[in-house]
PDB file of N, CA and C in Angstrom:
ATOM      1  N   MET A   1       0.814  -1.078  -0.018  1.00  0.00           N
ATOM      2  CA  MET A   1       0.129  -0.157  -0.089  1.00  0.00           C
ATOM      3  C   MET A   1       0.895   1.231   0.129  1.00  0.00           C
ATOM      4  N   PRO A   2       0.687   2.278  -1.028  1.00  0.00           N
ATOM      5  CA  PRO A   2       1.504   3.396  -0.824  1.00  0.00           C
ATOM      6  C   PRO A   2       1.503   4.182   0.406  1.00  0.00           C
ATOM      7  N   ASN A   3       2.427   4.937   0.628  1.00  0.00           N
ATOM      8  CA  ASN A   3       2.573   5.713   2.022  1.00  0.00           C
ATOM      9  C   ASN A   3       1.245   6.548   2.131  1.00  0.00           C
ATOM     10  N   LYS A   4       0.788   7.337   1.204  1.00  0.00           N
ATOM     11  CA  LYS A   4      -0.207   8.303   1.356  1.00  0.00           C
ATOM     12  C   LYS A   4      -1.505   7.382   1.948  1.00  0.00           C
ATOM     13  N   ASP A   5      -1.770   6.389   1.426  1.00  0.00           N
ATOM     14  CA  ASP A   5      -2.917   5.466   1.774  1.00  0.00           C
ATOM     15  C   ASP A   5      -2.807   4.846   3.031  1.00  0.00           C
ATOM     16  N   GLN A   6      -1.474   4.464   3.530  1.00  0.00           N
ATOM     17  CA  GLN A   6      -1.358   3.953   4.792  1.00  0.00           C
ATOM     18  C   GLN A   6      -1.555   5.170   5.853  1.00  0.00           C
ATOM     19  N   ILE A   7      -1.122   6.282   5.513  1.00  0.00           N
ATOM     20  CA  ILE A   7      -1.150   7.353   6.620  1.00  0.00           C
ATOM     21  C   ILE A   7      -2.663   7.899   6.622  1.00  0.00           C
ATOM     22  N   ARG A   8      -3.366   8.001   5.477  1.00  0.00           N
ATOM     23  CA  ARG A   8      -4.856   8.334   5.489  1.00  0.00           C
ATOM     24  C   ARG A   8      -5.614   7.324   6.182  1.00  0.00           C
ATOM     25  N   GLU A   9      -5.336   6.139   6.071  1.00  0.00           N
ATOM     26  CA  GLU A   9      -5.891   5.076   6.647  1.00  0.00           C
ATOM     27  C   GLU A   9      -5.822   5.183   8.206  1.00  0.00           C
ATOM     28  N   PHE A  10      -4.504   5.348   8.818  1.00  0.00           N
ATOM     29  CA  PHE A  10      -4.116   5.521  10.106  1.00  0.00           C
ATOM     30  C   PHE A  10      -4.871   6.685  10.807  1.00  0.00           C
ATOM     31  N   ILE A  11      -4.925   7.765   9.918  1.00  0.00           N
ATOM     32  CA  ILE A  11      -5.639   9.025  10.522  1.00  0.00           C
ATOM     33  C   ILE A  11      -7.152   8.698  10.538  1.00  0.00           C
ATOM     34  N   VAL A  12      -7.843   8.146   9.748  1.00  0.00           N
ATOM     35  CA  VAL A  12      -9.193   8.024   9.503  1.00  0.00           C
ATOM     36  C   VAL A  12      -9.655   7.079  10.589  1.00  0.00           C
ATOM     37  N   SER A  13      -8.939   5.902  10.847  1.00  0.00           N
ATOM     38  CA  SER A  13      -9.247   5.007  11.815  1.00  0.00           C
ATOM     39  C   SER A  13      -8.971   5.447  13.273  1.00  0.00           C
ATOM     40  N   ASN A  14      -8.179   6.140  13.410  1.00  0.00           N
ATOM     41  CA  ASN A  14      -7.738   6.795  14.806  1.00  0.00           C
ATOM     42  C   ASN A  14      -8.142   7.924  15.349  1.00  0.00           C
ATOM     43  N   PHE A  15      -8.443   9.040  14.344  1.00  0.00           N
ATOM     44  CA  PHE A  15      -8.889  10.220  14.735  1.00  0.00           C
ATOM     45  C   PHE A  15     -10.103  10.741  13.877  1.00  0.00           C
ATOM     46  N   LEU A  16     -10.670  10.063  12.993  1.00  0.00           N
ATOM     47  CA  LEU A  16     -11.877  10.492  12.163  1.00  0.00           C
ATOM     48  C   LEU A  16     -12.888   9.438  12.515  1.00  0.00           C
ATOM     49  N   PHE A  17     -12.539   8.235  13.021  1.00  0.00           N
ATOM     50  CA  PHE A  17     -13.393   7.218  13.346  1.00  0.00           C
ATOM     51  C   PHE A  17     -14.348   6.776  12.149  1.00  0.00           C
ATOM     52  N   GLY A  18     -13.651   6.566  10.853  1.00  0.00           N
ATOM     53  CA  GLY A  18     -14.058   6.000   9.665  1.00  0.00           C
ATOM     54  C   GLY A  18     -14.738   7.239   8.814  1.00  0.00           C
ATOM     55  N   GLU A  19     -14.734   8.389   9.444  1.00  0.00           N
ATOM     56  CA  GLU A  19     -15.433   9.409   8.330  1.00  0.00           C
ATOM     57  C   GLU A  19     -14.249   9.856   7.509  1.00  0.00           C
ATOM     58  N   ALA A  20     -13.825   9.245   6.457  1.00  0.00           N
ATOM     59  CA  ALA A  20     -12.782   9.424   5.594  1.00  0.00           C
ATOM     60  C   ALA A  20     -13.178  10.668   4.763  1.00  0.00           C
ATOM     61  N   ASP A  21     -14.454  11.202   4.489  1.00  0.00           N
ATOM     62  CA  ASP A  21     -14.665  12.257   3.717  1.00  0.00           C
ATOM     63  C   ASP A  21     -14.452  13.447   4.089  1.00  0.00           C
ATOM     64  N   LYS A  22     -14.005  13.624   5.343  1.00  0.00           N
ATOM     65  CA  LYS A  22     -13.351  14.569   6.074  1.00  0.00           C
ATOM     66  C   LYS A  22     -12.122  15.092   5.733  1.00  0.00           C
ATOM     67  N   LEU A  23     -11.174  14.181   5.049  1.00  0.00           N
ATOM     68  CA  LEU A  23      -9.854  14.253   4.971  1.00  0.00           C
ATOM     69  C   LEU A  23      -9.401  14.251   3.609  1.00  0.00           C
ATOM     70  N   THR A  24      -8.687  15.209   3.171  1.00  0.00           N
ATOM     71  CA  THR A  24      -8.118  15.124   1.763  1.00  0.00           C
ATOM     72  C   THR A  24      -6.660  15.208   2.195  1.00  0.00           C
ATOM     73  N   ASP A  25      -5.809  15.135   1.019  1.00  0.00           N
ATOM     74  CA  ASP A  25      -4.089  14.848   0.993  1.00  0.00           C
ATOM     75  C   ASP A  25      -3.761  16.262   1.607  1.00  0.00           C
ATOM     76  N   THR A  26      -4.267  17.413   1.659  1.00  0.00           N
ATOM     77  CA  THR A  26      -3.757  18.810   2.046  1.00  0.00           C
ATOM     78  C   THR A  26      -4.505  19.248   3.402  1.00  0.00           C
ATOM     79  N   THR A  27      -5.549  18.458   3.663  1.00  0.00           N
ATOM     80  CA  THR A  27      -6.149  18.987   5.064  1.00  0.00           C
ATOM     81  C   THR A  27      -5.269  19.069   6.153  1.00  0.00           C
ATOM     82  N   SER A  28      -4.930  20.162   6.811  1.00  0.00           N
ATOM     83  CA  SER A  28      -4.334  20.435   7.977  1.00  0.00           C
ATOM     84  C   SER A  28      -5.058  19.710   9.074  1.00  0.00           C
ATOM     85  N   PHE A  29      -4.103  18.856   9.615  1.00  0.00           N
ATOM     86  CA  PHE A  29      -4.505  18.024  10.803  1.00  0.00           C
ATOM     87  C   PHE A  29      -4.838  19.049  11.858  1.00  0.00           C
ATOM     88  N   LEU A  30      -4.028  19.964  12.261  1.00  0.00           N
ATOM     89  CA  LEU A  30      -4.147  20.885  13.165  1.00  0.00           C
ATOM     90  C   LEU A  30      -5.146  22.063  12.969  1.00  0.00           C
ATOM     91  N   ASP A  31      -5.145  22.540  11.993  1.00  0.00           N
ATOM     92  CA  ASP A  31      -6.185  23.589  11.762  1.00  0.00           C
ATOM     93  C   ASP A  31      -7.633  22.932  11.648  1.00  0.00           C
ATOM     94  N   ALA A  32      -7.820  21.712  11.330  1.00  0.00           N
ATOM     95  CA  ALA A  32      -9.189  21.066  10.880  1.00  0.00           C
ATOM     96  C   ALA A  32      -9.514  20.391  12.264  1.00  0.00           C
ATOM     97  N   GLY A  33      -8.677  20.601  13.565  1.00  0.00           N
ATOM     98  CA  GLY A  33      -9.194  20.039  14.618  1.00  0.00           C
ATOM     99  C   GLY A  33      -9.016  18.551  14.630  1.00  0.00           C
ATOM    100  N   ILE A  34      -8.465  17.760  13.502  1.00  0.00           N
ATOM    101  CA  ILE A  34      -8.369  16.441  13.623  1.00  0.00           C
ATOM    102  C   ILE A  34      -7.351  15.766  14.736  1.00  0.00           C
ATOM    103  N   ILE A  35      -6.263  16.491  15.031  1.00  0.00           N
ATOM    104  CA  ILE A  35      -5.535  15.960  16.115  1.00  0.00           C
ATOM    105  C   ILE A  35      -4.851  17.302  16.842  1.00  0.00           C
ATOM    106  N   ASP A  36      -4.296  16.856  18.007  1.00  0.00           N
ATOM    107  CA  ASP A  36      -3.885  17.724  18.938  1.00  0.00           C
ATOM    108  C   ASP A  36      -2.362  17.264  19.281  1.00  0.00           C
ATOM    109  N   SER A  37      -1.612  18.027  20.069  1.00  0.00           N
ATOM    110  CA  SER A  37      -0.377  17.828  20.507  1.00  0.00           C
ATOM    111  C   SER A  37       0.004  16.219  20.657  1.00  0.00           C
ATOM    112  N   THR A  38      -0.975  15.684  21.417  1.00  0.00           N
ATOM    113  CA  THR A  38      -0.991  14.267  21.800  1.00  0.00           C
ATOM    114  C   THR A  38      -1.286  13.251  20.384  1.00  0.00           C
ATOM    115  N   GLY A  39      -2.106  13.744  19.457  1.00  0.00           N
ATOM    116  CA  GLY A  39      -2.187  13.061  18.546  1.00  0.00           C
ATOM    117  C   GLY A  39      -1.017  13.004  17.533  1.00  0.00           C
ATOM    118  N   ILE A  40      -0.046  14.097  17.701  1.00  0.00           N
ATOM    119  CA  ILE A  40       1.181  14.290  16.768  1.00  0.00           C
ATOM    120  C   ILE A  40       2.170  13.099  17.594  1.00  0.00           C
ATOM    121  N   LEU A  41       2.100  12.876  18.726  1.00  0.00           N
ATOM    122  CA  LEU A  41       2.707  11.793  19.174  1.00  0.00           C
ATOM    123  C   LEU A  41       2.551  10.381  18.764  1.00  0.00           C
ATOM    124  N   GLU A  42       1.212  10.209  18.804  1.00  0.00           N
ATOM    125  CA  GLU A  42       0.525   8.854  18.087  1.00  0.00           C
ATOM    126  C   GLU A  42       0.737   8.738  16.635  1.00  0.00           C
ATOM    127  N   ILE A  43       0.944   9.898  15.992  1.00  0.00           N
ATOM    128  CA  ILE A  43       1.344   9.836  14.422  1.00  0.00           C
ATOM    129  C   ILE A  43       2.852   9.583  14.533  1.00  0.00           C
ATOM    130  N   VAL A  44       3.599  10.223  15.372  1.00  0.00           N
ATOM    131  CA  VAL A  44       5.089   9.618  15.515  1.00  0.00           C
ATOM    132  C   VAL A  44       5.330   8.173  15.626  1.00  0.00           C
ATOM    133  N   SER A  45       4.559   7.938  16.769  1.00  0.00           N
ATOM    134  CA  SER A  45       4.764   6.313  16.963  1.00  0.00           C
ATOM    135  C   SER A  45       4.280   5.666  15.792  1.00  0.00           C
ATOM    136  N   PHE A  46       3.253   5.882  15.173  1.00  0.00           N
ATOM    137  CA  PHE A  46       3.038   5.057  13.872  1.00  0.00           C
ATOM    138  C   PHE A  46       3.965   5.088  12.834  1.00  0.00           C
ATOM    139  N   LEU A  47       4.608   6.285  12.762  1.00  0.00           N
ATOM    140  CA  LEU A  47       5.580   6.120  11.667  1.00  0.00           C
ATOM    141  C   LEU A  47       6.776   5.417  11.999  1.00  0.00           C
ATOM    142  N   GLU A  48       7.162   5.536  13.245  1.00  0.00           N
ATOM    143  CA  GLU A  48       8.269   4.911  13.555  1.00  0.00           C
ATOM    144  C   GLU A  48       8.196   3.428  13.649  1.00  0.00           C
ATOM    145  N   GLU A  49       6.939   2.937  13.983  1.00  0.00           N
ATOM    146  CA  GLU A  49       6.816   1.416  14.062  1.00  0.00           C
ATOM    147  C   GLU A  49       6.459   1.017  12.607  1.00  0.00           C
ATOM    148  N   GLN A  50       5.486   1.643  11.768  1.00  0.00           N
ATOM    149  CA  GLN A  50       5.132   1.265  10.542  1.00  0.00           C
ATOM    150  C   GLN A  50       6.221   1.215   9.542  1.00  0.00           C
ATOM    151  N   PHE A  51       7.181   2.451   9.358  1.00  0.00           N
ATOM    152  CA  PHE A  51       8.100   2.652   8.401  1.00  0.00           C
ATOM    153  C   PHE A  51       9.613   2.636   8.856  1.00  0.00           C
ATOM    154  N   GLY A  52       9.844   2.153  10.122  1.00  0.00           N
ATOM    155  CA  GLY A  52      11.008   1.767  10.675  1.00  0.00           C
ATOM    156  C   GLY A  52      11.895   3.059  10.509  1.00  0.00           C
ATOM    157  N   ILE A  53      11.497   4.189  11.034  1.00  0.00           N
ATOM    158  CA  ILE A  53      12.204   5.488  11.044  1.00  0.00           C
ATOM    159  C   ILE A  53      12.461   6.000  12.423  1.00  0.00           C
ATOM    160  N   THR A  54      13.139   6.879  12.712  1.00  0.00           N
ATOM    161  CA  THR A  54      13.323   7.674  13.830  1.00  0.00           C
ATOM    162  C   THR A  54      12.948   9.031  13.578  1.00  0.00           C
ATOM    163  N   VAL A  55      12.047   9.736  14.147  1.00  0.00           N
ATOM    164  CA  VAL A  55      11.600  10.978  14.027  1.00  0.00           C
ATOM    165  C   VAL A  55      11.984  11.554  15.195  1.00  0.00           C
ATOM    166  N   GLU A  56      13.130  12.716  14.698  1.00  0.00           N
ATOM    167  CA  GLU A  56      14.004  13.521  15.897  1.00  0.00           C
ATOM    168  C   GLU A  56      13.176  14.576  16.141  1.00  0.00           C
ATOM    169  N   ASP A  57      13.571  15.054  17.347  1.00  0.00           N
ATOM    170  CA  ASP A  57      12.708  16.005  18.094  1.00  0.00           C
ATOM    171  C   ASP A  57      12.498  17.495  17.349  1.00  0.00           C
ATOM    172  N   ASP A  58      13.736  17.847  16.479  1.00  0.00           N
ATOM    173  CA  ASP A  58      13.711  18.748  15.564  1.00  0.00           C
ATOM    174  C   ASP A  58      12.988  18.456  14.305  1.00  0.00           C
ATOM    175  N   GLU A  59      12.376  17.674  14.193  1.00  0.00           N
ATOM    176  CA  GLU A  59      11.665  17.246  12.965  1.00  0.00           C
ATOM    177  C   GLU A  59      10.183  17.361  13.274  1.00  0.00           C
ATOM    178  N   LEU A  60       9.683  17.547  14.437  1.00  0.00           N
ATOM    179  CA  LEU A  60       8.549  17.683  14.924  1.00  0.00           C
ATOM    180  C   LEU A  60       7.766  18.972  14.496  1.00  0.00           C
ATOM    181  N   LEU A  61       7.893  19.199  13.302  1.00  0.00           N
ATOM    182  CA  LEU A  61       7.104  20.415  12.573  1.00  0.00           C
ATOM    183  C   LEU A  61       5.912  20.212  11.737  1.00  0.00           C
ATOM    184  N   PRO A  62       5.253  21.394  11.839  1.00  0.00           N
ATOM    185  CA  PRO A  62       3.826  21.162  10.918  1.00  0.00           C
ATOM    186  C   PRO A  62       4.209  21.010   9.503  1.00  0.00           C
ATOM    187  N   GLU A  63       5.293  21.559   8.918  1.00  0.00           N
ATOM    188  CA  GLU A  63       5.760  21.033   7.374  1.00  0.00           C
ATOM    189  C   GLU A  63       5.867  19.682   7.257  1.00  0.00           C
ATOM    190  N   ASN A  64       6.245  18.792   8.593  1.00  0.00           N
ATOM    191  CA  ASN A  64       6.692  17.462   8.266  1.00  0.00           C
ATOM    192  C   ASN A  64       5.303  16.703   8.677  1.00  0.00           C
ATOM    193  N   LEU A  65       4.523  17.273   9.548  1.00  0.00           N
ATOM    194  CA  LEU A  65       3.543  16.164   9.977  1.00  0.00           C
ATOM    195  C   LEU A  65       2.269  16.673  10.196  1.00  0.00           C
ATOM    196  N   ASP A  66       1.823  17.693   9.224  1.00  0.00           N
ATOM    197  CA  ASP A  66       0.415  18.437   9.431  1.00  0.00           C
ATOM    198  C   ASP A  66      -0.757  17.674   8.400  1.00  0.00           C
ATOM    199  N   SER A  67      -0.285  16.997   7.317  1.00  0.00           N
ATOM    200  CA  SER A  67      -1.272  16.544   6.507  1.00  0.00           C
ATOM    201  C   SER A  67      -0.766  15.304   5.887  1.00  0.00           C
ATOM    202  N   VAL A  68      -1.701  14.570   5.062  1.00  0.00           N
ATOM    203  CA  VAL A  68      -1.118  13.503   4.462  1.00  0.00           C
ATOM    204  C   VAL A  68      -0.089  13.619   3.784  1.00  0.00           C
ATOM    205  N   GLU A  69      -0.098  14.708   2.880  1.00  0.00           N
ATOM    206  CA  GLU A  69       0.752  14.999   1.722  1.00  0.00           C
ATOM    207  C   GLU A  69       2.167  15.302   2.467  1.00  0.00           C
ATOM    208  N   ALA A  70       2.117  16.317   3.675  1.00  0.00           N
ATOM    209  CA  ALA A  70       3.189  16.417   4.387  1.00  0.00           C
ATOM    210  C   ALA A  70       3.965  15.206   4.997  1.00  0.00           C
ATOM    211  N   VAL A  71       3.273  14.418   5.675  1.00  0.00           N
ATOM    212  CA  VAL A  71       3.724  13.043   6.058  1.00  0.00           C
ATOM    213  C   VAL A  71       4.495  12.156   5.118  1.00  0.00           C
ATOM    214  N   ALA A  72       3.779  12.045   3.807  1.00  0.00           N
ATOM    215  CA  ALA A  72       4.243  11.195   2.828  1.00  0.00           C
ATOM    216  C   ALA A  72       5.594  11.695   2.262  1.00  0.00           C
ATOM    217  N   GLY A  73       5.491  13.285   2.309  1.00  0.00           N
ATOM    218  CA  GLY A  73       6.613  14.093   1.674  1.00  0.00           C
ATOM    219  C   GLY A  73       7.943  13.715   2.591  1.00  0.00           C
ATOM    220  N   TYR A  74       7.627  13.970   3.969  1.00  0.00           N
ATOM    221  CA  TYR A  74       8.840  13.666   5.022  1.00  0.00           C
ATOM    222  C   TYR A  74       9.136  12.272   4.923  1.00  0.00           C
ATOM    223  N   LEU A  75       8.049  11.269   4.778  1.00  0.00           N
ATOM    224  CA  LEU A  75       8.676   9.845   4.848  1.00  0.00           C
ATOM    225  C   LEU A  75       9.651   9.475   3.408  1.00  0.00           C
ATOM    226  N   GLU A  76       9.363   9.976   2.537  1.00  0.00           N
ATOM    227  CA  GLU A  76      10.011  10.044   1.149  1.00  0.00           C
ATOM    228  C   GLU A  76      11.392  10.764   1.524  1.00  0.00           C
ATOM    229  N   LYS A  77      11.516  11.749   2.067  1.00  0.00           N
ATOM    230  CA  LYS A  77      12.937  12.476   2.458  1.00  0.00           C
ATOM    231  C   LYS A  77      13.796  11.478   3.473  1.00  0.00           C
ATOM    232  N   LYS A  78      13.003  11.009   4.324  1.00  0.00           N
ATOM    233  CA  LYS A  78      13.539  10.143   5.420  1.00  0.00           C
ATOM    234  C   LYS A  78      14.121   8.784   4.558  1.00  0.00           C
ATOM    235  N   ALA A  79      13.461   8.262   3.686  1.00  0.00           N
ATOM    236  CA  ALA A  79      13.822   7.219   2.895  1.00  0.00           C
ATOM    237  C   ALA A  79      15.130   7.157   2.017  1.00  0.00           C
ATOM    238  N   GLU A  80      15.111   8.653   1.505  1.00  0.00           N
ATOM    239  CA  GLU A  80      16.372   8.882   0.777  1.00  0.00           C
ATOM    240  C   GLU A  80      17.613   9.053   1.582  1.00  0.00           C
ATOM    241  N   GLY A  81      17.366   9.086   3.022  1.00  0.00           N
ATOM    242  CA  GLY A  81      18.375   9.419   3.940  1.00  0.00           C
ATOM    243  C   GLY A  81      18.574  10.883   4.257  1.00  0.00           C
ATOM    244  N   GLY A  82      17.676  11.748   4.096  1.00  0.00           N
ATOM    245  CA  GLY A  82      17.789  12.933   4.115  1.00  0.00           C
ATOM    246  C   GLY A  82      17.257  13.398   5.465  1.00  0.00           C
ATOM    247  N   SER A  83      17.383  14.544   6.138  1.00  0.00           N
ATOM    248  CA  SER A  83      16.643  14.860   7.267  1.00  0.00           C
ATOM    249  C   SER A  83      15.801  15.922   7.117  1.00  0.00           C
ATOM    250  N   GLN A  84      14.667  16.134   7.866  1.00  0.00           N
ATOM    251  CA  GLN A  84      13.666  17.324   7.574  1.00  0.00           C
ATOM    252  C   GLN A  84      13.843  18.272   8.593  1.00  0.00           C
ATOM    253  N   LYS A  85      14.986  18.586   9.155  1.00  0.00           N
ATOM    254  CA  LYS A  85      15.188  19.600  10.031  1.00  0.00           C
ATOM    255  C   LYS A  85      15.069  20.873   9.709  1.00  0.00           C
ATOM    256  N   SER A  86      14.183  21.917  10.526  1.00  0.00           N
ATOM    257  CA  SER A  86      14.262  23.337  10.199  1.00  0.00           C
ATOM    258  C   SER A  86      15.929  23.806  10.111  1.00  0.00           C
ATOM    259  N   GLU A  87      15.757  24.666   9.015  1.00  0.00           N
ATOM    260  CA  GLU A  87      17.187  25.241   8.654  1.00  0.00           C
ATOM    261  C   GLU A  87      17.193  26.522   9.589  1.00  0.00           C
TER     262      GLU A  87
END
């Protein structure tokens, strides 16, 4: 399953309780009230377990973790060996 589909499935199952129509690839998790700071930690745990990565503290940024598209892009960069730290 492509990363976006896995991410979307996780968000819908754990935060939207099956209401997938409320989520697009670019929906801001925070702005839409889908998740809060605790939800971010749940997403980080999911990413680390599912994709075998380590999310560093300085990578906990909205541009990395605030939408399906952002998380998929973050995972792609991590897979390439890059870091998504703020400059």
